[in-house]
N, C-alpha and C. Protein backbone atom coordinates (compact mmCIF):
# COMPACT_ATOMS: atom_id res chain seq x y z
N MET A 1 -21.17 -21.44 -38.79
CA MET A 1 -20.57 -20.30 -39.52
C MET A 1 -20.32 -19.15 -38.56
N SER A 2 -19.23 -18.46 -38.72
CA SER A 2 -18.86 -17.38 -37.80
C SER A 2 -19.85 -16.24 -37.89
N GLU A 3 -20.16 -15.63 -36.78
CA GLU A 3 -21.08 -14.51 -36.76
C GLU A 3 -20.45 -13.27 -37.35
N HIS A 4 -19.13 -13.27 -37.60
CA HIS A 4 -18.45 -12.11 -38.17
C HIS A 4 -18.36 -12.19 -39.68
N HIS A 5 -18.97 -13.25 -40.27
CA HIS A 5 -18.82 -13.46 -41.71
C HIS A 5 -19.33 -12.29 -42.51
N GLY A 6 -20.41 -11.63 -42.04
CA GLY A 6 -21.00 -10.54 -42.79
C GLY A 6 -20.51 -9.17 -42.40
N ALA A 7 -19.38 -9.07 -41.72
CA ALA A 7 -18.87 -7.77 -41.26
C ALA A 7 -18.49 -6.90 -42.45
N THR A 8 -18.70 -5.61 -42.31
CA THR A 8 -18.36 -4.67 -43.36
C THR A 8 -16.96 -4.16 -43.17
N ALA A 9 -16.46 -3.35 -44.14
CA ALA A 9 -15.12 -2.77 -44.02
C ALA A 9 -15.03 -1.85 -42.83
N ASP A 10 -16.12 -1.10 -42.58
CA ASP A 10 -16.11 -0.19 -41.43
C ASP A 10 -16.03 -0.96 -40.12
N ASP A 11 -16.63 -2.15 -40.09
CA ASP A 11 -16.55 -2.95 -38.87
C ASP A 11 -15.11 -3.32 -38.56
N ALA A 12 -14.32 -3.48 -39.61
CA ALA A 12 -12.92 -3.85 -39.40
C ALA A 12 -12.08 -2.69 -38.94
N VAL A 13 -12.58 -1.46 -39.16
CA VAL A 13 -11.84 -0.26 -38.79
C VAL A 13 -12.23 0.23 -37.42
N ALA A 14 -13.54 0.33 -37.18
CA ALA A 14 -14.02 0.88 -35.92
C ALA A 14 -14.62 -0.21 -35.06
N PRO A 15 -14.29 -0.25 -33.76
CA PRO A 15 -14.85 -1.24 -32.87
C PRO A 15 -16.28 -0.90 -32.53
N ALA A 16 -16.91 -1.80 -31.83
CA ALA A 16 -18.31 -1.57 -31.46
C ALA A 16 -18.42 -0.38 -30.53
N PRO A 17 -19.57 0.35 -30.57
CA PRO A 17 -19.76 1.49 -29.69
C PRO A 17 -19.55 1.09 -28.24
N GLY A 18 -18.93 2.00 -27.51
CA GLY A 18 -18.68 1.77 -26.10
C GLY A 18 -17.30 1.24 -25.80
N THR A 19 -16.57 0.79 -26.85
CA THR A 19 -15.20 0.34 -26.63
C THR A 19 -14.26 1.52 -26.78
N THR A 20 -12.98 1.27 -26.59
CA THR A 20 -12.00 2.35 -26.68
C THR A 20 -10.95 2.02 -27.70
N GLU A 21 -10.20 3.03 -28.10
CA GLU A 21 -9.23 2.89 -29.17
C GLU A 21 -7.80 2.97 -28.68
N PRO A 22 -6.87 2.32 -29.36
CA PRO A 22 -5.46 2.44 -28.99
C PRO A 22 -4.96 3.87 -29.18
N LEU A 23 -4.15 4.33 -28.25
CA LEU A 23 -3.61 5.67 -28.33
C LEU A 23 -2.65 5.79 -29.50
N TYR A 24 -2.97 6.67 -30.47
CA TYR A 24 -2.16 6.88 -31.66
C TYR A 24 -1.98 5.60 -32.47
N GLY A 25 -2.86 4.61 -32.26
CA GLY A 25 -2.74 3.37 -32.98
C GLY A 25 -1.61 2.48 -32.48
N ALA A 26 -0.98 2.85 -31.37
CA ALA A 26 0.17 2.08 -30.90
C ALA A 26 -0.21 0.85 -30.10
N GLY A 27 -1.49 0.74 -29.72
CA GLY A 27 -1.93 -0.42 -28.98
C GLY A 27 -1.42 -0.46 -27.55
N LEU A 28 -0.96 0.69 -27.03
CA LEU A 28 -0.38 0.71 -25.69
C LEU A 28 -1.30 1.33 -24.66
N ALA A 29 -2.09 2.28 -25.08
CA ALA A 29 -3.08 2.87 -24.19
C ALA A 29 -4.28 3.21 -25.03
N ARG A 30 -5.41 3.55 -24.40
CA ARG A 30 -6.63 3.71 -25.17
C ARG A 30 -7.25 5.08 -24.97
N LEU A 31 -7.78 5.61 -26.06
CA LEU A 31 -8.44 6.91 -26.04
C LEU A 31 -9.95 6.73 -26.19
N THR A 32 -10.69 7.64 -25.62
CA THR A 32 -12.13 7.67 -25.84
C THR A 32 -12.41 8.71 -26.91
N PRO A 33 -13.60 8.68 -27.54
CA PRO A 33 -13.91 9.63 -28.61
C PRO A 33 -13.78 11.10 -28.18
N SER A 34 -13.97 11.39 -26.89
CA SER A 34 -13.93 12.78 -26.44
C SER A 34 -12.55 13.42 -26.55
N VAL A 35 -11.51 12.61 -26.68
CA VAL A 35 -10.17 13.17 -26.81
C VAL A 35 -9.56 12.82 -28.18
N ALA A 36 -10.41 12.73 -29.19
CA ALA A 36 -9.93 12.47 -30.55
C ALA A 36 -9.05 13.61 -31.05
N TRP A 37 -9.13 14.77 -30.41
CA TRP A 37 -8.31 15.91 -30.83
C TRP A 37 -6.81 15.63 -30.64
N ILE A 38 -6.47 14.67 -29.79
CA ILE A 38 -5.05 14.40 -29.54
C ILE A 38 -4.38 13.82 -30.78
N PRO A 39 -4.87 12.69 -31.33
CA PRO A 39 -4.24 12.22 -32.57
C PRO A 39 -4.45 13.16 -33.75
N MET A 40 -5.58 13.91 -33.74
CA MET A 40 -5.80 14.87 -34.82
C MET A 40 -4.74 15.97 -34.79
N THR A 41 -4.43 16.47 -33.60
CA THR A 41 -3.41 17.51 -33.47
C THR A 41 -2.04 16.99 -33.88
N LEU A 42 -1.68 15.81 -33.37
CA LEU A 42 -0.38 15.24 -33.71
C LEU A 42 -0.29 14.97 -35.21
N GLY A 43 -1.36 14.46 -35.79
CA GLY A 43 -1.36 14.16 -37.21
C GLY A 43 -1.23 15.40 -38.07
N ALA A 44 -1.98 16.45 -37.73
CA ALA A 44 -1.93 17.68 -38.52
C ALA A 44 -0.55 18.32 -38.44
N VAL A 45 0.02 18.38 -37.24
CA VAL A 45 1.35 18.96 -37.07
C VAL A 45 2.39 18.12 -37.81
N GLY A 46 2.27 16.80 -37.72
CA GLY A 46 3.21 15.93 -38.41
C GLY A 46 3.19 16.14 -39.92
N ILE A 47 1.99 16.30 -40.48
CA ILE A 47 1.87 16.54 -41.92
C ILE A 47 2.52 17.85 -42.31
N VAL A 48 2.27 18.90 -41.53
CA VAL A 48 2.85 20.21 -41.83
C VAL A 48 4.38 20.16 -41.75
N LEU A 49 4.91 19.57 -40.68
CA LEU A 49 6.36 19.49 -40.52
C LEU A 49 6.98 18.62 -41.61
N GLY A 50 6.30 17.54 -41.97
CA GLY A 50 6.80 16.68 -43.03
C GLY A 50 6.86 17.41 -44.37
N LEU A 51 5.85 18.22 -44.65
CA LEU A 51 5.84 18.99 -45.89
C LEU A 51 6.97 20.02 -45.92
N VAL A 52 7.25 20.63 -44.76
CA VAL A 52 8.35 21.60 -44.68
C VAL A 52 9.67 20.90 -44.98
N LEU A 53 9.88 19.70 -44.41
CA LEU A 53 11.12 18.97 -44.66
C LEU A 53 11.24 18.57 -46.13
N PHE A 54 10.13 18.23 -46.75
CA PHE A 54 10.17 17.88 -48.17
C PHE A 54 10.42 19.12 -49.03
N ALA A 55 9.94 20.27 -48.57
CA ALA A 55 10.14 21.50 -49.35
C ALA A 55 11.56 22.02 -49.23
N PHE A 56 12.19 21.82 -48.06
CA PHE A 56 13.57 22.31 -47.83
C PHE A 56 14.43 21.18 -47.27
N PRO A 57 14.62 20.09 -48.02
CA PRO A 57 15.28 18.90 -47.47
C PRO A 57 16.73 19.08 -47.09
N GLY A 58 17.48 19.88 -47.82
CA GLY A 58 18.91 20.00 -47.54
C GLY A 58 19.32 21.35 -47.01
N ARG A 59 18.38 22.09 -46.43
CA ARG A 59 18.67 23.46 -46.01
C ARG A 59 19.79 23.48 -44.97
N THR A 60 19.52 22.99 -43.77
CA THR A 60 20.55 22.92 -42.72
C THR A 60 20.23 21.78 -41.77
N LEU A 61 21.26 21.27 -41.11
CA LEU A 61 21.05 20.26 -40.09
C LEU A 61 20.20 20.84 -38.96
N GLY A 62 20.40 22.13 -38.68
CA GLY A 62 19.64 22.76 -37.61
C GLY A 62 18.14 22.72 -37.87
N LEU A 63 17.74 22.91 -39.12
CA LEU A 63 16.31 22.87 -39.46
C LEU A 63 15.76 21.48 -39.26
N VAL A 64 16.48 20.47 -39.75
CA VAL A 64 16.03 19.09 -39.59
C VAL A 64 15.91 18.73 -38.11
N ALA A 65 16.94 19.09 -37.33
CA ALA A 65 16.92 18.79 -35.90
C ALA A 65 15.79 19.53 -35.20
N ALA A 66 15.55 20.78 -35.57
CA ALA A 66 14.51 21.58 -34.93
C ALA A 66 13.13 20.98 -35.18
N LEU A 67 12.86 20.58 -36.42
CA LEU A 67 11.54 20.05 -36.74
C LEU A 67 11.34 18.66 -36.16
N ALA A 68 12.37 17.81 -36.26
CA ALA A 68 12.26 16.47 -35.68
C ALA A 68 12.15 16.54 -34.16
N GLY A 69 12.93 17.41 -33.54
CA GLY A 69 12.86 17.57 -32.09
C GLY A 69 11.53 18.13 -31.64
N ALA A 70 11.00 19.11 -32.38
CA ALA A 70 9.71 19.69 -32.03
C ALA A 70 8.60 18.65 -32.12
N TYR A 71 8.68 17.79 -33.13
CA TYR A 71 7.67 16.73 -33.29
C TYR A 71 7.71 15.79 -32.09
N LEU A 72 8.90 15.38 -31.67
CA LEU A 72 9.02 14.48 -30.52
C LEU A 72 8.55 15.14 -29.23
N LEU A 73 8.84 16.42 -29.07
CA LEU A 73 8.37 17.12 -27.87
C LEU A 73 6.85 17.18 -27.83
N LEU A 74 6.24 17.49 -28.99
CA LEU A 74 4.78 17.51 -29.05
C LEU A 74 4.21 16.13 -28.76
N LEU A 75 4.83 15.10 -29.35
CA LEU A 75 4.38 13.73 -29.11
C LEU A 75 4.45 13.39 -27.63
N GLY A 76 5.53 13.80 -26.97
CA GLY A 76 5.67 13.52 -25.55
C GLY A 76 4.59 14.19 -24.72
N VAL A 77 4.33 15.46 -25.01
CA VAL A 77 3.29 16.19 -24.27
C VAL A 77 1.93 15.54 -24.47
N LEU A 78 1.60 15.18 -25.72
CA LEU A 78 0.29 14.61 -26.01
C LEU A 78 0.15 13.20 -25.44
N ARG A 79 1.23 12.43 -25.43
CA ARG A 79 1.15 11.10 -24.81
C ARG A 79 0.85 11.23 -23.31
N ILE A 80 1.52 12.13 -22.65
CA ILE A 80 1.28 12.32 -21.22
C ILE A 80 -0.14 12.83 -20.99
N TRP A 81 -0.58 13.80 -21.80
CA TRP A 81 -1.93 14.34 -21.68
C TRP A 81 -2.95 13.22 -21.89
N GLY A 82 -2.74 12.42 -22.94
CA GLY A 82 -3.67 11.32 -23.22
C GLY A 82 -3.69 10.31 -22.09
N ALA A 83 -2.51 10.01 -21.51
CA ALA A 83 -2.45 9.07 -20.40
C ALA A 83 -3.23 9.58 -19.20
N LEU A 84 -3.13 10.87 -18.91
CA LEU A 84 -3.87 11.44 -17.80
C LEU A 84 -5.38 11.43 -18.08
N ALA A 85 -5.74 11.57 -19.36
CA ALA A 85 -7.15 11.60 -19.73
C ALA A 85 -7.81 10.23 -19.56
N ILE A 86 -7.04 9.14 -19.74
CA ILE A 86 -7.63 7.81 -19.68
C ILE A 86 -7.26 7.04 -18.40
N ARG A 87 -6.57 7.71 -17.47
CA ARG A 87 -6.05 6.98 -16.32
C ARG A 87 -7.16 6.43 -15.44
N ALA A 88 -8.32 7.12 -15.37
CA ALA A 88 -9.41 6.64 -14.53
C ALA A 88 -10.03 5.36 -15.11
N GLN A 89 -10.21 5.33 -16.45
CA GLN A 89 -10.81 4.17 -17.09
C GLN A 89 -9.82 3.03 -17.30
N HIS A 90 -8.55 3.38 -17.53
CA HIS A 90 -7.53 2.36 -17.84
C HIS A 90 -6.26 2.63 -17.02
N PRO A 91 -6.33 2.43 -15.72
CA PRO A 91 -5.17 2.74 -14.86
C PRO A 91 -3.93 1.93 -15.18
N ASP A 92 -4.10 0.74 -15.76
CA ASP A 92 -2.93 -0.08 -16.07
C ASP A 92 -2.16 0.45 -17.28
N ASP A 93 -2.84 1.17 -18.18
CA ASP A 93 -2.19 1.68 -19.38
C ASP A 93 -1.48 3.01 -19.14
N ALA A 94 -2.03 3.82 -18.24
CA ALA A 94 -1.55 5.18 -18.06
C ALA A 94 -0.06 5.27 -17.69
N PRO A 95 0.46 4.47 -16.75
CA PRO A 95 1.89 4.61 -16.39
C PRO A 95 2.83 4.40 -17.57
N LEU A 96 2.54 3.41 -18.41
CA LEU A 96 3.41 3.16 -19.56
C LEU A 96 3.36 4.32 -20.54
N GLN A 97 2.17 4.87 -20.75
CA GLN A 97 2.06 6.01 -21.66
C GLN A 97 2.80 7.23 -21.12
N ILE A 98 2.73 7.43 -19.81
CA ILE A 98 3.46 8.55 -19.21
C ILE A 98 4.97 8.34 -19.40
N ALA A 99 5.42 7.09 -19.19
CA ALA A 99 6.84 6.79 -19.38
C ALA A 99 7.26 7.03 -20.82
N LEU A 100 6.43 6.61 -21.78
CA LEU A 100 6.75 6.83 -23.19
C LEU A 100 6.71 8.32 -23.53
N GLY A 101 5.81 9.05 -22.88
CA GLY A 101 5.77 10.49 -23.10
C GLY A 101 7.04 11.16 -22.61
N ILE A 102 7.50 10.75 -21.45
CA ILE A 102 8.76 11.30 -20.92
C ILE A 102 9.92 10.91 -21.83
N GLY A 103 9.87 9.67 -22.35
CA GLY A 103 10.91 9.24 -23.28
C GLY A 103 10.92 10.07 -24.55
N ALA A 104 9.73 10.42 -25.05
CA ALA A 104 9.65 11.26 -26.25
C ALA A 104 10.21 12.66 -25.97
N LEU A 105 9.92 13.20 -24.79
CA LEU A 105 10.47 14.51 -24.42
C LEU A 105 12.00 14.45 -24.37
N ALA A 106 12.53 13.38 -23.77
CA ALA A 106 13.98 13.24 -23.69
C ALA A 106 14.59 13.08 -25.08
N ALA A 107 13.95 12.28 -25.94
CA ALA A 107 14.46 12.09 -27.30
C ALA A 107 14.41 13.41 -28.07
N GLY A 108 13.35 14.18 -27.86
CA GLY A 108 13.25 15.47 -28.53
C GLY A 108 14.38 16.41 -28.13
N LEU A 109 14.72 16.42 -26.85
CA LEU A 109 15.82 17.27 -26.38
C LEU A 109 17.15 16.79 -26.94
N VAL A 110 17.32 15.46 -27.04
CA VAL A 110 18.55 14.92 -27.62
C VAL A 110 18.69 15.35 -29.07
N VAL A 111 17.59 15.23 -29.82
CA VAL A 111 17.62 15.61 -31.24
C VAL A 111 17.90 17.10 -31.39
N LEU A 112 17.29 17.92 -30.57
CA LEU A 112 17.49 19.36 -30.65
C LEU A 112 18.93 19.76 -30.33
N SER A 113 19.59 18.96 -29.50
CA SER A 113 20.96 19.30 -29.12
C SER A 113 21.98 18.85 -30.17
N GLN A 114 21.52 18.07 -31.17
CA GLN A 114 22.40 17.59 -32.24
C GLN A 114 23.68 16.96 -31.68
N PRO A 115 23.56 15.87 -30.92
CA PRO A 115 24.74 15.26 -30.30
C PRO A 115 25.56 14.48 -31.30
N GLY A 116 26.69 13.98 -30.86
CA GLY A 116 27.49 13.07 -31.66
C GLY A 116 27.97 13.68 -32.95
N GLU A 117 27.77 12.95 -34.03
CA GLU A 117 28.29 13.35 -35.34
C GLU A 117 27.21 13.99 -36.21
N GLY A 118 26.55 14.99 -35.70
CA GLY A 118 25.59 15.74 -36.50
C GLY A 118 24.41 14.92 -36.96
N GLU A 119 24.39 14.55 -38.25
CA GLU A 119 23.28 13.81 -38.82
C GLU A 119 23.04 12.50 -38.08
N THR A 120 24.11 11.81 -37.74
CA THR A 120 23.98 10.52 -37.05
C THR A 120 23.32 10.70 -35.69
N GLY A 121 23.68 11.77 -34.97
CA GLY A 121 23.08 12.02 -33.66
C GLY A 121 21.60 12.28 -33.76
N VAL A 122 21.19 13.06 -34.75
CA VAL A 122 19.77 13.35 -34.95
C VAL A 122 19.03 12.07 -35.31
N ALA A 123 19.61 11.28 -36.22
CA ALA A 123 18.97 10.03 -36.64
C ALA A 123 18.82 9.06 -35.48
N LEU A 124 19.86 8.95 -34.64
CA LEU A 124 19.80 8.04 -33.50
C LEU A 124 18.75 8.49 -32.48
N GLY A 125 18.75 9.77 -32.16
CA GLY A 125 17.78 10.27 -31.19
C GLY A 125 16.35 10.03 -31.65
N PHE A 126 16.09 10.26 -32.94
CA PHE A 126 14.76 10.08 -33.49
C PHE A 126 14.43 8.59 -33.62
N GLY A 127 15.41 7.81 -34.10
CA GLY A 127 15.15 6.42 -34.41
C GLY A 127 15.01 5.50 -33.21
N VAL A 128 15.82 5.70 -32.19
CA VAL A 128 15.75 4.81 -31.03
C VAL A 128 14.37 4.88 -30.39
N TYR A 129 13.84 6.08 -30.26
CA TYR A 129 12.51 6.21 -29.66
C TYR A 129 11.46 5.50 -30.51
N LEU A 130 11.48 5.72 -31.82
CA LEU A 130 10.50 5.09 -32.70
C LEU A 130 10.61 3.56 -32.64
N LEU A 131 11.83 3.06 -32.60
CA LEU A 131 12.03 1.61 -32.57
C LEU A 131 11.45 1.01 -31.30
N VAL A 132 11.71 1.64 -30.17
CA VAL A 132 11.18 1.13 -28.89
C VAL A 132 9.66 1.16 -28.90
N VAL A 133 9.08 2.29 -29.29
CA VAL A 133 7.62 2.42 -29.30
C VAL A 133 7.00 1.44 -30.30
N GLY A 134 7.62 1.31 -31.47
CA GLY A 134 7.08 0.41 -32.48
C GLY A 134 7.09 -1.04 -32.04
N LEU A 135 8.19 -1.49 -31.42
CA LEU A 135 8.26 -2.87 -30.95
C LEU A 135 7.26 -3.13 -29.83
N LEU A 136 7.11 -2.18 -28.93
CA LEU A 136 6.10 -2.33 -27.89
C LEU A 136 4.71 -2.36 -28.50
N GLY A 137 4.49 -1.51 -29.51
CA GLY A 137 3.19 -1.49 -30.17
C GLY A 137 2.87 -2.81 -30.85
N LEU A 138 3.84 -3.41 -31.54
CA LEU A 138 3.62 -4.70 -32.20
C LEU A 138 3.34 -5.79 -31.17
N THR A 139 4.12 -5.80 -30.10
CA THR A 139 3.93 -6.82 -29.07
C THR A 139 2.54 -6.73 -28.45
N THR A 140 2.13 -5.51 -28.10
CA THR A 140 0.82 -5.33 -27.48
C THR A 140 -0.29 -5.58 -28.48
N SER A 141 -0.09 -5.20 -29.73
CA SER A 141 -1.11 -5.42 -30.76
C SER A 141 -1.40 -6.91 -30.93
N MET A 142 -0.37 -7.74 -30.88
CA MET A 142 -0.57 -9.17 -31.03
C MET A 142 -1.34 -9.75 -29.85
N ARG A 143 -1.11 -9.19 -28.65
CA ARG A 143 -1.84 -9.68 -27.48
C ARG A 143 -3.29 -9.24 -27.50
N ARG A 144 -3.58 -8.08 -28.10
CA ARG A 144 -4.93 -7.54 -28.06
C ARG A 144 -5.70 -7.72 -29.37
N ALA A 145 -5.18 -8.46 -30.31
CA ALA A 145 -5.83 -8.65 -31.60
C ALA A 145 -6.23 -7.30 -32.19
N ALA A 146 -5.25 -6.44 -32.37
CA ALA A 146 -5.50 -5.05 -32.76
C ALA A 146 -6.00 -4.94 -34.20
N ARG A 147 -6.59 -3.78 -34.51
CA ARG A 147 -7.06 -3.49 -35.85
C ARG A 147 -5.89 -3.34 -36.82
N PRO A 148 -6.13 -3.49 -38.12
CA PRO A 148 -5.06 -3.31 -39.12
C PRO A 148 -4.38 -1.95 -39.02
N LEU A 149 -5.15 -0.89 -38.74
CA LEU A 149 -4.56 0.44 -38.62
C LEU A 149 -3.56 0.50 -37.48
N THR A 150 -3.90 -0.14 -36.38
CA THR A 150 -3.01 -0.17 -35.23
C THR A 150 -1.68 -0.85 -35.58
N VAL A 151 -1.78 -1.99 -36.24
CA VAL A 151 -0.58 -2.73 -36.63
C VAL A 151 0.24 -1.94 -37.64
N ALA A 152 -0.45 -1.26 -38.56
CA ALA A 152 0.25 -0.47 -39.58
C ALA A 152 1.10 0.62 -38.95
N VAL A 153 0.55 1.31 -37.94
CA VAL A 153 1.29 2.38 -37.27
C VAL A 153 2.50 1.81 -36.54
N ALA A 154 2.32 0.70 -35.85
CA ALA A 154 3.44 0.09 -35.13
C ALA A 154 4.54 -0.35 -36.11
N LEU A 155 4.14 -0.93 -37.24
CA LEU A 155 5.11 -1.34 -38.25
C LEU A 155 5.85 -0.14 -38.81
N LEU A 156 5.13 0.95 -39.05
CA LEU A 156 5.76 2.17 -39.55
C LEU A 156 6.81 2.67 -38.57
N ASP A 157 6.49 2.66 -37.28
CA ASP A 157 7.45 3.10 -36.27
C ASP A 157 8.70 2.22 -36.28
N VAL A 158 8.49 0.90 -36.38
CA VAL A 158 9.63 -0.01 -36.38
C VAL A 158 10.52 0.21 -37.60
N VAL A 159 9.90 0.28 -38.77
CA VAL A 159 10.68 0.45 -40.01
C VAL A 159 11.44 1.77 -39.98
N ALA A 160 10.76 2.86 -39.61
CA ALA A 160 11.43 4.16 -39.54
C ALA A 160 12.53 4.15 -38.50
N GLY A 161 12.28 3.48 -37.38
CA GLY A 161 13.29 3.41 -36.33
C GLY A 161 14.53 2.65 -36.78
N VAL A 162 14.33 1.52 -37.47
CA VAL A 162 15.46 0.73 -37.96
C VAL A 162 16.27 1.53 -38.97
N VAL A 163 15.59 2.20 -39.89
CA VAL A 163 16.29 3.01 -40.88
C VAL A 163 17.11 4.10 -40.20
N ALA A 164 16.52 4.75 -39.21
CA ALA A 164 17.20 5.87 -38.55
C ALA A 164 18.40 5.40 -37.73
N VAL A 165 18.24 4.34 -36.93
CA VAL A 165 19.35 3.92 -36.05
C VAL A 165 20.48 3.29 -36.85
N SER A 166 20.20 2.81 -38.06
CA SER A 166 21.26 2.25 -38.88
C SER A 166 21.76 3.25 -39.91
N TRP A 167 21.51 4.54 -39.63
CA TRP A 167 21.88 5.57 -40.59
C TRP A 167 23.38 5.54 -40.89
N PRO A 168 23.75 5.72 -42.16
CA PRO A 168 25.17 5.68 -42.56
C PRO A 168 25.98 6.80 -41.91
N PRO A 169 27.28 6.73 -41.99
CA PRO A 169 28.16 7.77 -41.41
C PRO A 169 27.88 9.14 -42.02
N PRO A 170 28.30 10.21 -41.34
CA PRO A 170 28.11 11.56 -41.86
C PRO A 170 28.67 11.70 -43.27
N GLY A 171 28.03 12.52 -44.07
CA GLY A 171 28.49 12.74 -45.42
C GLY A 171 27.64 12.03 -46.46
N ILE A 172 26.82 11.05 -46.03
CA ILE A 172 25.96 10.34 -46.97
C ILE A 172 24.88 11.29 -47.50
N GLY A 173 24.40 12.18 -46.64
CA GLY A 173 23.46 13.15 -47.16
C GLY A 173 22.44 13.65 -46.16
N LEU A 174 22.50 14.95 -45.89
CA LEU A 174 21.50 15.58 -45.04
C LEU A 174 20.14 15.55 -45.73
N THR A 175 20.13 15.71 -47.04
CA THR A 175 18.86 15.70 -47.78
C THR A 175 18.14 14.37 -47.60
N ALA A 176 18.89 13.28 -47.67
CA ALA A 176 18.28 11.96 -47.52
C ALA A 176 17.68 11.79 -46.13
N LEU A 177 18.39 12.24 -45.10
CA LEU A 177 17.88 12.15 -43.73
C LEU A 177 16.61 12.97 -43.58
N ALA A 178 16.60 14.19 -44.14
CA ALA A 178 15.41 15.04 -44.05
C ALA A 178 14.22 14.38 -44.74
N LEU A 179 14.46 13.72 -45.87
CA LEU A 179 13.37 13.07 -46.60
C LEU A 179 12.84 11.85 -45.85
N VAL A 180 13.74 11.12 -45.19
CA VAL A 180 13.30 9.97 -44.39
C VAL A 180 12.42 10.43 -43.23
N ILE A 181 12.90 11.42 -42.48
CA ILE A 181 12.13 11.92 -41.33
C ILE A 181 10.85 12.59 -41.81
N GLY A 182 10.94 13.39 -42.88
CA GLY A 182 9.76 14.04 -43.40
C GLY A 182 8.74 13.05 -43.92
N GLY A 183 9.22 11.99 -44.61
CA GLY A 183 8.32 10.96 -45.10
C GLY A 183 7.61 10.25 -43.98
N TYR A 184 8.35 9.96 -42.90
CA TYR A 184 7.72 9.34 -41.73
C TYR A 184 6.63 10.23 -41.17
N MET A 185 6.94 11.51 -41.00
CA MET A 185 5.95 12.43 -40.43
C MET A 185 4.69 12.51 -41.28
N LEU A 186 4.85 12.51 -42.61
CA LEU A 186 3.69 12.59 -43.50
C LEU A 186 2.81 11.35 -43.39
N VAL A 187 3.43 10.18 -43.46
CA VAL A 187 2.65 8.95 -43.39
C VAL A 187 2.03 8.78 -42.02
N ARG A 188 2.83 9.01 -40.98
CA ARG A 188 2.30 8.87 -39.61
C ARG A 188 1.22 9.91 -39.35
N GLY A 189 1.40 11.12 -39.88
CA GLY A 189 0.39 12.14 -39.71
C GLY A 189 -0.93 11.74 -40.33
N ALA A 190 -0.88 11.17 -41.53
CA ALA A 190 -2.10 10.72 -42.20
C ALA A 190 -2.80 9.62 -41.39
N LEU A 191 -2.01 8.69 -40.84
CA LEU A 191 -2.59 7.62 -40.03
C LEU A 191 -3.19 8.15 -38.74
N ASP A 192 -2.54 9.15 -38.13
CA ASP A 192 -3.08 9.74 -36.91
C ASP A 192 -4.39 10.48 -37.17
N VAL A 193 -4.45 11.19 -38.29
CA VAL A 193 -5.70 11.87 -38.65
C VAL A 193 -6.80 10.84 -38.88
N ARG A 194 -6.46 9.76 -39.55
CA ARG A 194 -7.43 8.68 -39.76
C ARG A 194 -7.93 8.13 -38.44
N GLU A 195 -7.02 7.93 -37.50
CA GLU A 195 -7.38 7.44 -36.17
C GLU A 195 -8.35 8.40 -35.48
N ALA A 196 -8.08 9.69 -35.59
CA ALA A 196 -8.95 10.69 -34.97
C ALA A 196 -10.35 10.66 -35.59
N LEU A 197 -10.42 10.50 -36.90
CA LEU A 197 -11.72 10.45 -37.57
C LEU A 197 -12.51 9.21 -37.15
N VAL A 198 -11.81 8.09 -36.97
CA VAL A 198 -12.47 6.88 -36.49
C VAL A 198 -13.04 7.10 -35.09
N LEU A 199 -12.26 7.75 -34.24
CA LEU A 199 -12.72 8.03 -32.87
C LEU A 199 -13.93 8.95 -32.88
N ARG A 200 -13.91 9.97 -33.73
CA ARG A 200 -15.05 10.88 -33.81
C ARG A 200 -16.30 10.18 -34.30
N ARG A 201 -16.12 9.28 -35.28
CA ARG A 201 -17.26 8.54 -35.79
C ARG A 201 -17.81 7.59 -34.72
N LEU A 202 -16.90 7.02 -33.95
CA LEU A 202 -17.30 6.16 -32.84
C LEU A 202 -18.12 6.94 -31.82
N GLY A 203 -17.66 8.17 -31.52
CA GLY A 203 -18.39 8.99 -30.57
C GLY A 203 -19.75 9.39 -31.08
N ALA A 204 -19.87 9.65 -32.38
CA ALA A 204 -21.15 10.06 -32.95
C ALA A 204 -22.15 8.92 -32.97
N SER A 205 -21.65 7.68 -33.05
CA SER A 205 -22.55 6.53 -33.15
C SER A 205 -22.90 5.91 -31.81
N SER A 206 -22.20 6.35 -30.76
CA SER A 206 -22.44 5.74 -29.45
C SER A 206 -23.56 6.44 -28.70
């Protein structure tokens, strides 16, 4: 009989003390409990920005672009910061995280500039990055037998990315785009906060 037969629900969420966690649940780099503030910060900001988009969904394209771009810029900074924080323990993970952080910064600038056909440009800038990160997250999660939370975040990135990059032509609705991006931020924010709490609990028990 498997020794894991009696595992509890918490065992399925948090790894054994002394191990490390995937960065933002993406399964691409790993955080230690001491830097749990990184996903907590990203999650809290994502929730706030998502609520703003839900409160004012059709206000202006500029507002949607500003909030989506700001989120990507913050994500880029935190990915790079997290990569530098874990580079000594996980040197193989750090370069990819730095590259993804730079990619998030570039995507944020693209979204802020509102290229192309307005709504479509914002959707593409936001969606392409999420799709790339989500696919990488799923691929790495399968190789590392990741936790359900990790897989859930990667799936969320992929689904949101596909929806965004296949966004209909202009005129379908700014409100709909704002709700899609805002909904992503809310769900992703909640998952990031959950990730941070798991890391803190791991640190307290180690």
